[in-house]
Amino acid sequence: MPPGAGGPSSAAATSVGIVSYEDFASASVKVIESTGGAIMVLGGLVAFVRYARQSMRQGAGAYRQLRANLGRVILLGLEVLIIADIVRTIVVDQSVQSVGVLGLIVVIRIVLSFSLEVEIEGAWPWNEWKAKRTSSSPTGSTETPAGDSPA
């Protein structure tokens, strides 16, 4: 059949504007992905504008702050993109292959998130107590007193 000649049901669906569940879910995933991309682009621009302002005032600490801000923006954007991937796999494309691809994407993004967290905080999340203890101790020593080992 030629395009547009789908019979009475397709003509009625087009004129009334009925959208299928799959079409709605696909459109929602596109909106979520666009939001994740916009977070990274706009957040990156804001981070660079803040960097320019801070470098004129402070100079020394501005670059470290830029890296931390960019890392936070990328982390937030990645989290939103993971949401889109999960929704797509659960609602739109339900297949073993899509679940495998989702698993691989999530693993890659988790590794990226951990790497960015280390860049921002300066320590692995499970070693954060060491970094806090070192920064708060007057001598800067990382030694723990006898019997005071963390679990």
Protein backbone atom coordinates (compact mmCIF):
# COMPACT_ATOMS: atom_id res chain seq x y z
CA MET A 1 0.00 0.00 0.00
CA PRO A 2 1.23 3.54 -0.64
CA PRO A 3 2.14 5.71 2.35
CA GLY A 4 -0.87 7.27 4.00
CA ALA A 5 -3.26 4.64 2.65
CA GLY A 6 -3.35 2.56 5.80
CA GLY A 7 -7.10 2.13 5.93
CA PRO A 8 -9.71 3.71 8.18
CA SER A 9 -8.03 2.90 11.50
CA SER A 10 -4.73 4.61 10.64
CA ALA A 11 -6.53 7.64 9.22
CA ALA A 12 -8.60 7.95 12.39
CA ALA A 13 -5.53 7.55 14.59
CA THR A 14 -3.69 10.25 12.65
CA SER A 15 -6.56 12.75 12.66
CA VAL A 16 -7.36 12.26 16.36
CA GLY A 17 -3.71 12.19 17.42
CA ILE A 18 -3.66 8.85 19.23
CA VAL A 19 -0.13 7.86 20.11
CA SER A 20 0.92 4.32 20.91
CA TYR A 21 2.60 3.42 24.19
CA GLU A 22 5.86 2.56 22.41
CA ASP A 23 5.90 5.90 20.58
CA PHE A 24 5.28 7.77 23.82
CA ALA A 25 8.03 5.82 25.61
CA SER A 26 10.48 6.42 22.75
CA ALA A 27 9.70 10.12 22.78
CA SER A 28 10.16 10.20 26.56
CA VAL A 29 13.56 8.52 26.25
CA LYS A 30 14.59 11.13 23.66
CA VAL A 31 13.54 13.91 26.05
CA ILE A 32 15.52 12.35 28.91
CA GLU A 33 18.59 11.93 26.67
CA SER A 34 18.28 15.52 25.50
CA THR A 35 18.05 16.65 29.10
CA GLY A 36 21.23 14.75 29.97
CA GLY A 37 23.05 16.29 27.02
CA ALA A 38 21.77 19.76 27.86
CA ILE A 39 22.91 19.36 31.47
CA MET A 40 26.43 18.59 30.28
CA VAL A 41 26.59 21.33 27.63
CA LEU A 42 24.96 24.11 29.65
CA GLY A 43 26.67 23.04 32.87
CA GLY A 44 30.01 23.01 31.08
CA LEU A 45 29.41 26.50 29.76
CA VAL A 46 28.46 27.73 33.24
CA ALA A 47 31.58 26.09 34.68
CA PHE A 48 33.79 27.85 32.13
CA VAL A 49 32.12 31.21 32.76
CA ARG A 50 32.66 30.76 36.50
CA TYR A 51 36.28 29.78 35.80
CA ALA A 52 36.84 32.96 33.80
CA ARG A 53 35.43 35.09 36.61
CA GLN A 54 37.36 33.26 39.33
CA SER A 55 40.64 33.32 37.42
CA MET A 56 40.41 37.11 37.17
CA ARG A 57 39.81 37.40 40.93
CA GLN A 58 41.73 34.54 42.52
CA GLY A 59 43.93 33.02 39.86
CA ALA A 60 45.47 30.14 41.80
CA GLY A 61 42.50 28.00 42.86
CA ALA A 62 40.33 28.65 39.84
CA TYR A 63 41.60 25.74 37.74
CA ARG A 64 41.03 23.19 40.50
CA GLN A 65 37.50 24.56 40.96
CA LEU A 66 36.89 24.32 37.19
CA ARG A 67 37.89 20.65 37.17
CA ALA A 68 35.64 19.93 40.15
CA ASN A 69 32.67 21.77 38.59
CA LEU A 70 33.12 20.04 35.23
CA GLY A 71 33.35 16.69 36.97
CA ARG A 72 30.12 17.31 38.85
CA VAL A 73 28.34 18.39 35.67
CA ILE A 74 29.51 15.31 33.79
CA LEU A 75 28.48 13.04 36.66
CA LEU A 76 24.99 14.53 36.73
CA GLY A 77 24.64 14.26 32.95
CA LEU A 78 25.81 10.63 33.00
CA GLU A 79 23.28 9.77 35.69
CA VAL A 80 20.45 11.22 33.59
CA LEU A 81 21.68 9.32 30.51
CA ILE A 82 21.73 6.09 32.52
CA ILE A 83 18.08 6.74 33.40
CA ALA A 84 17.29 7.07 29.70
CA ASP A 85 19.10 3.81 28.91
CA ILE A 86 17.22 1.96 31.64
CA VAL A 87 13.85 3.28 30.48
CA ARG A 88 14.67 2.38 26.88
CA THR A 89 15.65 -1.17 27.83
CA ILE A 90 12.70 -1.80 30.13
CA VAL A 91 9.95 -0.11 28.12
CA VAL A 92 10.96 0.30 24.49
CA ASP A 93 13.38 -2.43 23.45
CA GLN A 94 12.86 -5.57 25.51
CA SER A 95 15.42 -8.07 24.26
CA VAL A 96 18.36 -10.01 25.65
CA GLN A 97 20.71 -8.06 23.41
CA SER A 98 19.42 -4.70 24.69
CA VAL A 99 19.83 -5.86 28.30
CA GLY A 100 23.43 -6.88 27.54
CA VAL A 101 24.14 -3.55 25.90
CA LEU A 102 22.54 -1.74 28.85
CA GLY A 103 24.73 -3.71 31.26
CA LEU A 104 27.86 -2.78 29.32
CA ILE A 105 26.85 0.89 29.13
CA VAL A 106 26.09 1.01 32.85
CA VAL A 107 29.45 -0.61 33.71
CA ILE A 108 31.32 1.87 31.52
CA ARG A 109 29.47 4.82 33.02
CA ILE A 110 30.04 3.54 36.57
CA VAL A 111 33.78 3.35 35.87
CA LEU A 112 33.65 6.88 34.48
CA SER A 113 31.69 8.04 37.53
CA PHE A 114 34.23 6.54 39.92
CA SER A 115 37.09 8.10 37.96
CA LEU A 116 35.43 11.50 38.05
CA GLU A 117 34.71 11.11 41.76
CA VAL A 118 38.40 10.46 42.36
CA GLU A 119 39.27 13.55 40.32
CA ILE A 120 36.85 15.70 42.30
CA GLU A 121 37.46 14.37 45.81
CA GLY A 122 41.05 13.23 45.47
CA ALA A 123 40.38 9.76 46.91
CA TRP A 124 38.39 6.63 46.13
CA PRO A 125 34.94 6.73 47.74
CA TRP A 126 35.82 3.81 50.03
CA ASN A 127 39.01 5.60 51.15
CA GLU A 128 37.34 8.94 51.76
CA TRP A 129 37.65 8.54 55.53
CA LYS A 130 41.45 8.45 55.13
CA ALA A 131 41.49 11.67 53.14
CA LYS A 132 39.23 13.41 55.66
CA ARG A 133 41.29 12.15 58.57
CA THR A 134 44.54 13.28 56.93
CA SER A 135 43.20 16.74 56.16
CA SER A 136 41.80 17.18 59.68
CA SER A 137 44.86 15.96 61.61
CA PRO A 138 47.28 18.72 62.65
CA THR A 139 50.39 16.74 61.63
CA GLY A 140 48.95 15.39 58.40
CA SER A 141 49.86 11.86 59.51
CA THR A 142 47.76 8.96 58.28
CA GLU A 143 48.74 6.68 61.17
CA THR A 144 45.94 5.40 63.36
CA PRO A 145 46.37 4.86 67.08
CA ALA A 146 46.57 1.26 68.30
CA GLY A 147 43.13 -0.31 68.46
CA ASP A 148 41.55 2.48 66.38
CA SER A 149 41.57 0.77 63.01
CA PRO A 150 38.58 1.42 60.79
CA ALA A 151 36.33 -1.52 59.96
